[in-house]
Amino acid sequence: MRPNVKPLTHWLIYKGYTVRFQERRPEQVTGVLTTPEGQVPFQYDPQRRVIHLPDQRILINAYGWEVDEDDPEAATPSAEDHDAAGDKNHGH
């Protein structure tokens, strides 16, 4: 079974990062992000939707939005938030 990297891919698009995957297993995805500051190794847990960077841990929802671990209600963006991201990232 292939891991679901769609939430990660959305997060990458929102951030403007590019990615090079090294390993894609159902329980973990690894690779290197290219950010404005340079290359950053990462690990992604597709089942829990957690991105592990060298200096931080980021929880994302199914849409790739960063969410607060203490606020499960924040896991679903509003339609307005989704439209704003579409305008910013797709030039609509």
C-alpha atoms as a PDB file:
ATOM      1  CA  MET A   1       0.000   0.000   0.000  1.00  0.00           C
ATOM      2  CA  ARG A   2       1.318   3.451  -0.946  1.00  0.00           C
ATOM      3  CA  PRO A   3       1.357   6.248   1.597  1.00  0.00           C
ATOM      4  CA  ASN A   4      -1.047   9.142   1.110  1.00  0.00           C
ATOM      5  CA  VAL A   5       1.209  12.135   0.504  1.00  0.00           C
ATOM      6  CA  LYS A   6      -1.553  14.422  -0.795  1.00  0.00           C
ATOM      7  CA  PRO A   7      -1.779  16.471   2.458  1.00  0.00           C
ATOM      8  CA  LEU A   8       2.017  16.843   2.440  1.00  0.00           C
ATOM      9  CA  THR A   9       1.946  17.885  -1.213  1.00  0.00           C
ATOM     10  CA  HIS A  10      -0.674  20.559  -0.474  1.00  0.00           C
ATOM     11  CA  TRP A  11       1.433  21.860   2.432  1.00  0.00           C
ATOM     12  CA  LEU A  12       4.485  22.035   0.154  1.00  0.00           C
ATOM     13  CA  ILE A  13       2.529  24.011  -2.450  1.00  0.00           C
ATOM     14  CA  TYR A  14       1.188  26.445   0.183  1.00  0.00           C
ATOM     15  CA  LYS A  15       4.742  26.982   1.453  1.00  0.00           C
ATOM     16  CA  GLY A  16       6.279  27.288  -2.015  1.00  0.00           C
ATOM     17  CA  TYR A  17       8.759  24.483  -1.300  1.00  0.00           C
ATOM     18  CA  THR A  18       9.953  21.770  -3.640  1.00  0.00           C
ATOM     19  CA  VAL A  19      10.589  18.203  -2.552  1.00  0.00           C
ATOM     20  CA  ARG A  20      12.767  15.270  -3.436  1.00  0.00           C
ATOM     21  CA  PHE A  21      11.440  12.038  -1.962  1.00  0.00           C
ATOM     22  CA  GLN A  22      13.990   9.496  -0.786  1.00  0.00           C
ATOM     23  CA  GLU A  23      11.727   6.796   0.636  1.00  0.00           C
ATOM     24  CA  ARG A  24       7.967   6.291   0.559  1.00  0.00           C
ATOM     25  CA  ARG A  25       6.633   3.609   2.888  1.00  0.00           C
ATOM     26  CA  PRO A  26       3.102   3.398   4.349  1.00  0.00           C
ATOM     27  CA  GLU A  27       4.399   4.314   7.809  1.00  0.00           C
ATOM     28  CA  GLN A  28       6.983   6.951   6.838  1.00  0.00           C
ATOM     29  CA  VAL A  29       8.033   9.187   3.956  1.00  0.00           C
ATOM     30  CA  THR A  30      11.487  10.782   3.913  1.00  0.00           C
ATOM     31  CA  GLY A  31      13.202  13.281   1.675  1.00  0.00           C
ATOM     32  CA  VAL A  32      14.660  16.734   1.295  1.00  0.00           C
ATOM     33  CA  LEU A  33      12.750  20.012   1.050  1.00  0.00           C
ATOM     34  CA  THR A  34      14.166  22.942  -0.867  1.00  0.00           C
ATOM     35  CA  THR A  35      13.185  26.157   0.917  1.00  0.00           C
ATOM     36  CA  PRO A  36      14.359  29.759   0.426  1.00  0.00           C
ATOM     37  CA  GLU A  37      16.839  29.108   3.260  1.00  0.00           C
ATOM     38  CA  GLY A  38      18.254  25.963   1.612  1.00  0.00           C
ATOM     39  CA  GLN A  39      17.751  22.225   1.759  1.00  0.00           C
ATOM     40  CA  VAL A  40      16.097  20.664   4.791  1.00  0.00           C
ATOM     41  CA  PRO A  41      15.722  16.923   5.470  1.00  0.00           C
ATOM     42  CA  PHE A  42      12.265  15.806   6.592  1.00  0.00           C
ATOM     43  CA  GLN A  43      10.276  12.801   7.713  1.00  0.00           C
ATOM     44  CA  TYR A  44       6.516  12.588   7.258  1.00  0.00           C
ATOM     45  CA  ASP A  45       4.106  10.292   9.081  1.00  0.00           C
ATOM     46  CA  PRO A  46       1.227   9.914   6.583  1.00  0.00           C
ATOM     47  CA  GLN A  47      -1.071   8.155   9.056  1.00  0.00           C
ATOM     48  CA  ARG A  48      -0.853  10.924  11.676  1.00  0.00           C
ATOM     49  CA  ARG A  49      -0.063  13.683   9.118  1.00  0.00           C
ATOM     50  CA  VAL A  50       2.963  14.917  11.046  1.00  0.00           C
ATOM     51  CA  ILE A  51       5.961  16.532   9.337  1.00  0.00           C
ATOM     52  CA  HIS A  52       9.224  16.209  11.254  1.00  0.00           C
ATOM     53  CA  LEU A  53      11.869  18.817  10.424  1.00  0.00           C
ATOM     54  CA  PRO A  54      15.246  19.123  12.188  1.00  0.00           C
ATOM     55  CA  ASP A  55      13.988  21.931  14.442  1.00  0.00           C
ATOM     56  CA  GLN A  56      10.213  21.488  14.537  1.00  0.00           C
ATOM     57  CA  ARG A  57       7.236  19.181  14.306  1.00  0.00           C
ATOM     58  CA  ILE A  58       4.239  20.268  12.199  1.00  0.00           C
ATOM     59  CA  LEU A  59       0.775  18.728  12.283  1.00  0.00           C
ATOM     60  CA  ILE A  60      -1.307  19.170   9.126  1.00  0.00           C
ATOM     61  CA  ASN A  61      -4.876  18.298   8.233  1.00  0.00           C
ATOM     62  CA  ALA A  62      -6.108  16.437   5.147  1.00  0.00           C
ATOM     63  CA  TYR A  63      -5.931  19.694   3.153  1.00  0.00           C
ATOM     64  CA  GLY A  64      -2.314  20.441   4.063  1.00  0.00           C
ATOM     65  CA  TRP A  65      -3.162  23.242   6.491  1.00  0.00           C
ATOM     66  CA  GLU A  66      -1.040  23.492   9.626  1.00  0.00           C
ATOM     67  CA  VAL A  67      -3.133  22.819  12.715  1.00  0.00           C
ATOM     68  CA  ASP A  68      -2.610  23.183  16.437  1.00  0.00           C
ATOM     69  CA  GLU A  69      -2.288  19.812  18.162  1.00  0.00           C
ATOM     70  CA  ASP A  70      -4.341  21.175  21.066  1.00  0.00           C
ATOM     71  CA  ASP A  71      -7.234  22.264  18.817  1.00  0.00           C
ATOM     72  CA  PRO A  72      -8.651  19.340  16.800  1.00  0.00           C
ATOM     73  CA  GLU A  73     -11.457  21.604  15.523  1.00  0.00           C
ATOM     74  CA  ALA A  74      -8.844  23.582  13.578  1.00  0.00           C
ATOM     75  CA  ALA A  75      -8.214  20.527  11.424  1.00  0.00           C
ATOM     76  CA  THR A  76     -10.765  21.599   8.807  1.00  0.00           C
ATOM     77  CA  PRO A  77     -10.220  24.919   7.030  1.00  0.00           C
ATOM     78  CA  SER A  78     -13.180  27.103   6.208  1.00  0.00           C
ATOM     79  CA  ALA A  79     -14.206  27.515   2.570  1.00  0.00           C
ATOM     80  CA  GLU A  80     -12.993  31.121   2.816  1.00  0.00           C
ATOM     81  CA  ASP A  81      -9.511  29.979   3.903  1.00  0.00           C
ATOM     82  CA  HIS A  82      -9.405  27.426   1.101  1.00  0.00           C
ATOM     83  CA  ASP A  83     -10.395  30.054  -1.496  1.00  0.00           C
ATOM     84  CA  ALA A  84      -7.751  32.474  -0.213  1.00  0.00           C
ATOM     85  CA  ALA A  85      -5.059  29.817  -0.550  1.00  0.00           C
ATOM     86  CA  GLY A  86      -6.247  29.036  -4.056  1.00  0.00           C
ATOM     87  CA  ASP A  87      -5.982  32.699  -5.014  1.00  0.00           C
ATOM     88  CA  LYS A  88      -2.499  32.988  -3.544  1.00  0.00           C
ATOM     89  CA  ASN A  89      -1.140  29.777  -5.006  1.00  0.00           C
ATOM     90  CA  HIS A  90      -2.895  29.478  -8.320  1.00  0.00           C
ATOM     91  CA  GLY A  91      -3.285  33.061  -9.449  1.00  0.00           C
ATOM     92  CA  HIS A  92      -7.105  32.936  -9.595  1.00  0.00           C
END
